[in-house]
Amino acid sequence: SVHRDDRDILKKVDFALHENEIVSLIGPNGAGKSTLIKVLLGILQPSSGRVINHKKLKMAYVPQKFNPSHSLPLRVQDLLDLEK
């Protein structure tokens, strides 16, 4: 579960992802999709519960808006190299 600002963003989420599966999350704004992905990737810690990641499982996250100052410690050269 993820609890923020006196409200539950994710509550009692339980599922399994298996090798060679491709999964997409869809839903309305504010449903908790990005929060769930961030918890799965370890960017956010759950308020309660746990995430078990297997080493073979590969996940990717493509945010709608990329803000490198919050996501990664990048140098100016790193940003320039993204254009190549």
Protein backbone atom coordinates (compact mmCIF):
# COMPACT_ATOMS: atom_id res chain seq x y z
CA SER A 1 0.00 0.00 0.00
CA VAL A 2 1.04 3.59 -0.57
CA HIS A 3 -0.42 6.29 1.65
CA ARG A 4 0.29 9.97 1.01
CA ASP A 5 -1.32 13.21 2.17
CA ASP A 6 -3.93 11.42 4.32
CA ARG A 7 -5.18 9.23 1.46
CA ASP A 8 -4.52 5.79 0.07
CA ILE A 9 -3.00 5.91 -3.40
CA LEU A 10 -2.54 2.13 -3.63
CA LYS A 11 -4.32 -0.26 -1.31
CA LYS A 12 -4.05 -4.06 -1.09
CA VAL A 13 -2.38 -4.55 -4.48
CA ASP A 14 -1.46 -8.17 -5.17
CA PHE A 15 -0.28 -9.61 -8.49
CA ALA A 16 2.55 -11.53 -10.11
CA LEU A 17 4.54 -10.83 -13.25
CA HIS A 18 6.15 -13.75 -15.04
CA GLU A 19 9.09 -14.13 -17.40
CA ASN A 20 8.34 -13.28 -21.06
CA GLU A 21 5.09 -11.48 -20.21
CA ILE A 22 4.45 -7.99 -21.51
CA VAL A 23 2.15 -5.97 -19.30
CA SER A 24 0.67 -2.50 -19.81
CA LEU A 25 -1.08 -0.47 -17.15
CA ILE A 26 -3.99 1.66 -18.27
CA GLY A 27 -6.47 3.67 -16.29
CA PRO A 28 -7.76 7.16 -15.62
CA ASN A 29 -5.63 9.99 -14.25
CA GLY A 30 -5.04 9.61 -10.55
CA ALA A 31 -5.66 5.85 -10.48
CA GLY A 32 -2.14 5.12 -9.17
CA LYS A 33 -0.48 3.69 -12.31
CA SER A 34 2.70 5.75 -12.04
CA THR A 35 2.86 5.21 -8.29
CA LEU A 36 2.63 1.44 -8.77
CA ILE A 37 5.43 1.44 -11.36
CA LYS A 38 7.63 3.60 -9.12
CA VAL A 39 7.11 1.19 -6.23
CA LEU A 40 7.92 -1.82 -8.44
CA LEU A 41 11.12 -0.13 -9.63
CA GLY A 42 12.13 0.90 -6.11
CA ILE A 43 11.82 4.63 -6.79
CA LEU A 44 9.14 4.87 -4.08
CA GLN A 45 8.89 2.75 -0.95
CA PRO A 46 5.49 1.29 -0.04
CA SER A 47 3.87 2.52 3.19
CA SER A 48 3.11 -1.11 4.00
CA GLY A 49 3.65 -4.46 2.34
CA ARG A 50 6.57 -5.54 0.19
CA VAL A 51 7.71 -5.99 -3.40
CA ILE A 52 9.58 -9.13 -4.37
CA ASN A 53 11.65 -8.67 -7.53
CA HIS A 54 13.35 -11.56 -9.27
CA LYS A 55 16.68 -10.79 -10.90
CA LYS A 56 15.55 -12.09 -14.31
CA LEU A 57 12.51 -9.81 -14.39
CA LYS A 58 13.12 -6.71 -16.49
CA MET A 59 10.92 -3.66 -16.19
CA ALA A 60 10.91 -0.32 -17.96
CA TYR A 61 9.16 2.92 -17.13
CA VAL A 62 8.53 5.69 -19.66
CA PRO A 63 7.01 8.70 -17.90
CA GLN A 64 4.82 11.20 -19.74
CA LYS A 65 7.07 14.02 -18.58
CA PHE A 66 10.75 13.37 -17.98
CA ASN A 67 12.38 15.51 -15.31
CA PRO A 68 16.00 14.39 -15.05
CA SER A 69 16.67 16.46 -11.93
CA HIS A 70 14.30 14.19 -10.00
CA SER A 71 15.04 10.94 -11.81
CA LEU A 72 18.76 10.64 -12.41
CA PRO A 73 21.96 12.45 -11.54
CA LEU A 74 22.90 13.53 -15.08
CA ARG A 75 25.68 15.77 -16.29
CA VAL A 76 25.16 18.24 -19.15
CA GLN A 77 27.20 15.92 -21.39
CA ASP A 78 24.84 13.04 -20.56
CA LEU A 79 21.89 15.12 -21.76
CA LEU A 80 23.71 16.07 -24.96
CA ASP A 81 24.52 12.42 -25.61
CA LEU A 82 20.80 11.57 -25.48
CA GLU A 83 20.34 13.45 -28.76
CA LYS A 84 22.68 11.08 -30.63
